[in-house]
Amino acid sequence: MNVYNINLNLLKAFDALMQTRNVSRAAEKLSITQPSMSNLLAQLRELFSDEILIRRKKEMIATQKALEISPKIREALEILEQTFTASEKFNPATSNRVFTIATNDYIQYVLISRLIEKLEKIAPFVSIKIISTENICHKELYETGRVDIGIGVIRNLDTRLQFENLFTDDSVCVARKKHPVFSETNKFTLKEYLSCKHIFMRSLPSNEISLTEQALNKLGTSRQMKVENMQILPGLRTIQCTNLIGMVPRLIAEMAKGVFNLQVVNSPLKIPPISISMVWHNMHESNWGHQWFRSLINEVVALIV
């Protein structure tokens, strides 16, 4: 294959198709018609001697070959973009760039609202897209261009991903105000904790044991579970209306206690603090806009911790 004969638009089309897994949405992404994108897909299939995308029921599935070459094409396009824009400083006041963040509802509640507030003042045309996930370390998220930055707990970080620690947070118990188990002194014993019924609000990937469960396992005991695997904000609303108690990061508990009329007390369990980090692919390392956005996130974090 002679690379000098390849139409660059084919690579852009391939990247759009891999990001969306949908011909219509890929066409919208490149501002072309659906028939034009279908024609580009046909050319890609001929170029790579591969189907690229295969329809199964109501969705399009990428072939193994497409998955293998996707990160390389994404990186090549990124290098080209950086080459042509290397002399252009990012201007937040006029840029209309969209930054995609992969994170969970905890980070969305404590950080993203403040980030948007900051953007409205200094970068009115810059926007944010959120992908909800507990696992921010899948390199495919970044190599396919779906995600610019991940924010959360790092697990099994790939060598091609960069990271920066943002802050740490410890765990606290939350319950509705005037819950009968809490004393006026706010002291909460392990015996009292185990006598309650609990709601488990997950903040780690589903295949991992929570820090609370790990602490209980070390003590050779367990808690009475009423609700499992609820997201944090619906969980806090449930706690507000019931006698259930929950364990959540302190930062979200302090921010949400007034909204949900909650009481916050220190945990009777010895639970290590969680470390929240920012993750990005090394191909973005020298991108002016990406550097600016990472710096902005650090500024916002400094305001809330």
Protein backbone atom coordinates (compact mmCIF):
# COMPACT_ATOMS: atom_id res chain seq x y z
CA MET A 1 0.00 0.00 0.00
CA ASN A 2 1.40 3.38 -1.05
CA VAL A 3 0.63 5.88 1.73
CA TYR A 4 1.04 8.81 -0.69
CA ASN A 5 -2.08 7.65 -2.52
CA ILE A 6 -4.28 7.60 0.59
CA ASN A 7 -6.92 10.29 0.90
CA LEU A 8 -6.60 11.93 4.33
CA ASN A 9 -10.39 12.22 4.48
CA LEU A 10 -10.53 8.42 4.65
CA LEU A 11 -8.54 8.44 7.87
CA LYS A 12 -10.80 11.14 9.34
CA ALA A 13 -13.83 9.09 8.33
CA PHE A 14 -12.34 5.96 9.89
CA ASP A 15 -11.71 7.83 13.14
CA ALA A 16 -15.26 9.22 13.20
CA LEU A 17 -16.74 5.79 12.54
CA MET A 18 -14.70 4.22 15.34
CA GLN A 19 -15.75 6.94 17.77
CA THR A 20 -19.46 6.73 16.99
CA ARG A 21 -19.89 3.14 15.68
CA ASN A 22 -22.67 4.64 13.58
CA VAL A 23 -22.67 5.85 9.96
CA SER A 24 -25.24 8.62 10.51
CA ARG A 25 -23.54 10.02 13.62
CA ALA A 26 -20.13 9.81 11.97
CA ALA A 27 -21.53 11.80 9.03
CA GLU A 28 -22.86 14.43 11.44
CA LYS A 29 -19.48 14.60 13.16
CA LEU A 30 -17.74 15.39 9.86
CA SER A 31 -20.62 17.58 8.57
CA ILE A 32 -21.22 15.42 5.50
CA THR A 33 -24.25 13.47 4.25
CA GLN A 34 -24.97 9.88 5.23
CA PRO A 35 -24.55 8.61 1.62
CA SER A 36 -21.12 10.29 1.52
CA MET A 37 -20.10 8.56 4.74
CA SER A 38 -21.41 5.23 3.43
CA ASN A 39 -19.24 5.73 0.37
CA LEU A 40 -16.20 6.49 2.55
CA LEU A 41 -16.87 3.33 4.59
CA ALA A 42 -16.94 1.33 1.36
CA GLN A 43 -13.57 2.85 0.38
CA LEU A 44 -12.15 2.03 3.81
CA ARG A 45 -13.27 -1.57 3.49
CA GLU A 46 -11.50 -1.81 0.17
CA LEU A 47 -8.39 -0.02 1.45
CA PHE A 48 -7.93 -2.29 4.47
CA SER A 49 -9.49 -5.44 2.98
CA ASP A 50 -11.67 -5.58 6.06
CA GLU A 51 -15.31 -4.90 6.93
CA ILE A 52 -14.28 -2.29 9.60
CA LEU A 53 -17.82 -2.26 11.04
CA ILE A 54 -20.25 -5.18 11.05
CA ARG A 55 -23.97 -4.84 11.76
CA ARG A 56 -25.27 -7.13 14.51
CA LYS A 57 -28.92 -6.69 15.35
CA LYS A 58 -29.35 -2.94 15.98
CA GLU A 59 -25.70 -1.94 16.46
CA MET A 60 -22.43 -1.79 14.55
CA ILE A 61 -19.52 -3.81 15.92
CA ALA A 62 -15.91 -2.98 15.07
CA THR A 63 -13.79 -5.78 13.63
CA GLN A 64 -10.63 -6.95 15.34
CA LYS A 65 -8.48 -5.34 12.66
CA ALA A 66 -10.31 -2.00 13.05
CA LEU A 67 -9.74 -2.10 16.82
CA GLU A 68 -6.04 -2.80 16.29
CA ILE A 69 -5.39 0.05 13.85
CA SER A 70 -7.73 2.61 15.43
CA PRO A 71 -5.26 3.88 18.10
CA LYS A 72 -2.53 4.33 15.48
CA ILE A 73 -4.77 6.30 13.13
CA ARG A 74 -6.08 8.43 16.03
CA GLU A 75 -2.50 9.21 17.08
CA ALA A 76 -1.48 10.00 13.50
CA LEU A 77 -4.37 12.46 13.16
CA GLU A 78 -3.48 14.02 16.50
CA ILE A 79 0.14 14.48 15.37
CA LEU A 80 -1.02 16.10 12.14
CA GLU A 81 -3.32 18.44 14.03
CA GLN A 82 -0.55 19.43 16.42
CA THR A 83 1.85 19.97 13.51
CA PHE A 84 -0.47 22.44 11.80
CA THR A 85 -1.41 24.22 15.02
CA ALA A 86 1.97 24.14 16.76
CA SER A 87 2.48 27.88 16.28
CA GLU A 88 -1.05 28.75 17.36
CA LYS A 89 -1.52 29.39 21.07
CA PHE A 90 -4.84 28.25 22.45
CA ASN A 91 -7.14 31.22 23.07
CA PRO A 92 -9.81 30.30 25.63
CA ALA A 93 -11.74 33.51 25.04
CA THR A 94 -12.52 32.61 21.42
CA SER A 95 -12.12 28.80 21.21
CA ASN A 96 -15.22 26.65 20.67
CA ARG A 97 -13.43 23.41 21.52
CA VAL A 98 -15.36 20.58 23.19
CA PHE A 99 -13.52 18.73 25.97
CA THR A 100 -14.80 15.27 26.89
CA ILE A 101 -14.35 14.13 30.50
CA ALA A 102 -14.78 10.56 31.70
CA THR A 103 -15.77 10.44 35.37
CA ASN A 104 -18.41 9.34 37.90
CA ASP A 105 -21.30 11.12 39.62
CA TYR A 106 -19.16 11.98 42.67
CA ILE A 107 -16.72 14.04 40.60
CA GLN A 108 -19.56 15.49 38.53
CA TYR A 109 -21.19 16.79 41.69
CA VAL A 110 -18.15 18.24 43.47
CA LEU A 111 -16.03 19.41 40.54
CA ILE A 112 -17.77 19.75 37.18
CA SER A 113 -20.30 22.40 38.26
CA ARG A 114 -17.44 24.61 39.51
CA LEU A 115 -15.52 23.95 36.31
CA ILE A 116 -18.45 25.08 34.16
CA GLU A 117 -18.86 28.17 36.34
CA LYS A 118 -15.23 29.03 35.65
CA LEU A 119 -15.57 28.35 31.92
CA GLU A 120 -18.52 30.73 31.62
CA LYS A 121 -16.30 33.55 32.81
CA ILE A 122 -13.08 32.94 30.89
CA ALA A 123 -14.00 30.63 27.99
CA PRO A 124 -17.64 31.28 27.06
CA PHE A 125 -17.57 29.18 23.86
CA VAL A 126 -15.71 26.17 25.25
CA SER A 127 -18.05 23.31 26.21
CA ILE A 128 -17.83 20.03 28.10
CA LYS A 129 -19.14 16.55 27.34
CA ILE A 130 -19.39 13.98 30.14
CA ILE A 131 -18.98 10.22 29.78
CA SER A 132 -20.10 8.51 32.99
CA THR A 133 -17.80 5.71 34.08
CA GLU A 134 -16.13 4.34 37.21
CA ASN A 135 -13.11 3.07 35.26
CA ILE A 136 -11.10 5.92 33.75
CA CYS A 137 -8.06 3.81 32.82
CA HIS A 138 -9.24 2.15 29.59
CA LYS A 139 -6.70 3.42 27.07
CA GLU A 140 -9.21 2.78 24.27
CA LEU A 141 -11.30 5.70 25.59
CA TYR A 142 -8.41 8.04 24.84
CA GLU A 143 -6.88 6.41 21.77
CA THR A 144 -10.19 6.47 19.88
CA GLY A 145 -10.67 10.15 20.69
CA ARG A 146 -13.80 9.57 22.80
CA VAL A 147 -12.21 11.10 25.90
CA ASP A 148 -9.77 13.95 26.51
CA ILE A 149 -9.41 13.61 30.28
CA GLY A 150 -10.47 11.10 32.91
CA ILE A 151 -10.97 12.09 36.55
CA GLY A 152 -11.30 9.51 39.29
CA VAL A 153 -9.54 6.64 41.03
CA ILE A 154 -6.67 5.10 39.05
CA ARG A 155 -6.68 1.34 38.52
CA ASN A 156 -4.13 -0.48 36.29
CA LEU A 157 -2.87 2.57 34.41
CA ASP A 158 -1.53 1.86 30.92
CA THR A 159 1.98 3.11 30.17
CA ARG A 160 0.67 5.35 27.37
CA LEU A 161 -1.53 7.24 29.79
CA GLN A 162 -0.28 10.16 31.88
CA PHE A 163 -1.72 11.12 35.26
CA GLU A 164 -1.61 13.80 37.92
CA ASN A 165 -2.92 13.50 41.49
CA LEU A 166 -5.59 16.11 42.20
CA PHE A 167 -6.70 15.52 45.80
CA THR A 168 -7.49 12.90 48.43
CA ASP A 169 -10.77 12.38 50.26
CA ASP A 170 -11.73 10.27 53.25
CA SER A 171 -15.00 8.42 53.95
CA VAL A 172 -17.77 9.51 56.32
CA CYS A 173 -21.14 8.15 57.38
CA VAL A 174 -24.31 9.99 56.37
CA ALA A 175 -27.89 9.63 57.59
CA ARG A 176 -30.97 11.79 57.79
CA LYS A 177 -30.98 14.44 60.49
CA LYS A 178 -32.33 13.24 63.86
CA HIS A 179 -31.60 9.63 62.94
CA PRO A 180 -32.11 7.66 66.19
CA VAL A 181 -28.70 5.97 66.03
CA PHE A 182 -26.72 9.23 66.16
CA SER A 183 -26.08 10.83 69.54
CA GLU A 184 -25.81 14.55 70.15
CA THR A 185 -22.03 14.23 70.49
CA ASN A 186 -21.75 12.89 66.93
CA LYS A 187 -19.82 9.87 68.21
CA PHE A 188 -20.69 6.81 66.20
CA THR A 189 -19.45 3.43 67.40
CA LEU A 190 -18.82 0.29 65.35
CA LYS A 191 -21.57 -1.47 67.30
CA GLU A 192 -24.05 1.26 66.35
CA TYR A 193 -22.84 1.16 62.74
CA LEU A 194 -23.42 -2.59 62.49
CA SER A 195 -26.87 -2.30 64.08
CA CYS A 196 -28.11 -0.14 61.16
CA LYS A 197 -29.34 -1.09 57.72
CA HIS A 198 -27.19 0.27 54.92
CA ILE A 199 -27.26 1.57 51.39
CA PHE A 200 -24.19 0.88 49.28
CA MET A 201 -23.32 3.66 46.84
CA ARG A 202 -20.63 2.41 44.48
CA SER A 203 -17.69 4.63 43.51
CA LEU A 204 -15.33 1.93 42.18
CA PRO A 205 -15.49 -0.41 39.18
CA SER A 206 -18.08 -3.13 39.80
CA ASN A 207 -15.49 -5.92 39.88
CA GLU A 208 -13.69 -4.43 42.90
CA ILE A 209 -14.45 -4.82 46.59
CA SER A 210 -15.29 -1.48 48.18
CA LEU A 211 -12.97 0.03 50.79
CA THR A 212 -15.76 -0.30 53.35
CA GLU A 213 -16.15 -4.02 52.65
CA GLN A 214 -12.39 -4.47 52.86
CA ALA A 215 -12.36 -2.80 56.29
CA LEU A 216 -15.26 -4.96 57.49
CA ASN A 217 -13.59 -8.13 56.14
CA LYS A 218 -10.48 -7.34 58.21
CA LEU A 219 -12.71 -7.22 61.30
CA GLY A 220 -14.40 -10.48 60.32
CA THR A 221 -17.84 -8.90 60.19
CA SER A 222 -20.35 -7.50 57.70
CA ARG A 223 -23.13 -4.93 57.51
CA GLN A 224 -26.86 -5.34 56.91
CA MET A 225 -27.39 -4.32 53.30
CA LYS A 226 -30.79 -2.96 52.24
CA VAL A 227 -29.86 -1.41 48.86
CA GLU A 228 -26.78 -2.13 46.74
CA ASN A 229 -24.97 -0.43 43.85
CA MET A 230 -26.97 2.80 43.83
CA GLN A 231 -25.45 5.96 42.42
CA ILE A 232 -24.45 8.52 45.02
CA LEU A 233 -27.04 11.25 44.47
CA PRO A 234 -30.10 8.95 44.28
CA GLY A 235 -28.60 7.18 47.28
CA LEU A 236 -28.41 10.39 49.30
CA ARG A 237 -32.03 11.15 48.42
CA THR A 238 -33.01 7.66 49.65
CA ILE A 239 -31.10 8.21 52.89
CA GLN A 240 -32.95 11.48 53.41
CA CYS A 241 -36.30 9.64 53.36
CA THR A 242 -35.39 6.51 55.34
CA ASN A 243 -33.45 5.20 58.33
CA LEU A 244 -30.73 3.77 56.09
CA ILE A 245 -27.18 5.02 56.47
CA GLY A 246 -24.41 5.22 53.89
CA MET A 247 -20.67 5.70 53.51
CA VAL A 248 -19.54 8.35 51.03
CA PRO A 249 -16.52 10.59 50.38
CA ARG A 250 -16.42 13.53 52.80
CA LEU A 251 -16.30 16.19 50.08
CA ILE A 252 -19.63 15.22 48.54
CA ALA A 253 -21.17 14.66 51.98
CA GLU A 254 -20.29 18.18 53.12
CA MET A 255 -21.52 19.73 49.87
CA ALA A 256 -24.76 17.74 49.79
CA LYS A 257 -25.78 17.69 53.46
CA GLY A 258 -27.71 20.97 53.23
CA VAL A 259 -29.46 19.93 50.02
CA PHE A 260 -30.55 16.53 51.38
CA ASN A 261 -30.89 17.54 55.05
CA LEU A 262 -28.27 15.03 56.18
CA GLN A 263 -26.12 14.49 59.25
CA VAL A 264 -22.45 13.72 58.63
CA VAL A 265 -20.34 11.81 61.19
CA ASN A 266 -16.89 10.26 61.13
CA SER A 267 -16.69 6.60 60.20
CA PRO A 268 -16.08 4.09 63.01
CA LEU A 269 -14.12 2.00 60.49
CA LYS A 270 -10.50 2.56 59.54
CA ILE A 271 -10.87 3.24 55.83
CA PRO A 272 -7.89 4.55 53.83
CA PRO A 273 -8.47 7.81 51.93
CA ILE A 274 -9.15 7.68 48.21
CA SER A 275 -6.84 9.47 45.78
CA ILE A 276 -8.48 11.30 42.90
CA SER A 277 -6.37 11.78 39.78
CA MET A 278 -6.57 13.28 36.32
CA VAL A 279 -5.66 10.98 33.39
CA TRP A 280 -4.88 11.73 29.74
CA HIS A 281 -3.13 10.09 26.79
CA ASN A 282 0.49 11.05 26.16
CA MET A 283 -0.34 12.11 22.59
CA HIS A 284 -2.06 15.18 24.13
CA GLU A 285 0.97 16.11 26.20
CA SER A 286 2.07 19.07 24.08
CA ASN A 287 -1.36 20.21 22.86
CA TRP A 288 -1.87 23.86 23.86
CA GLY A 289 -5.60 23.54 24.47
CA HIS A 290 -5.22 20.34 26.45
CA GLN A 291 -2.51 21.89 28.62
CA TRP A 292 -4.76 24.88 29.32
CA PHE A 293 -7.71 22.67 30.26
CA ARG A 294 -5.63 20.55 32.64
CA SER A 295 -4.36 23.72 34.28
CA LEU A 296 -7.93 24.99 34.64
CA ILE A 297 -8.99 21.77 36.36
CA ASN A 298 -6.16 22.23 38.85
CA GLU A 299 -7.32 25.79 39.54
CA VAL A 300 -10.86 24.61 40.25
CA VAL A 301 -9.65 21.78 42.51
CA ALA A 302 -7.69 24.33 44.56
CA LEU A 303 -10.96 26.18 45.24
CA ILE A 304 -12.86 23.19 46.63
CA VAL A 305 -10.35 21.17 48.68
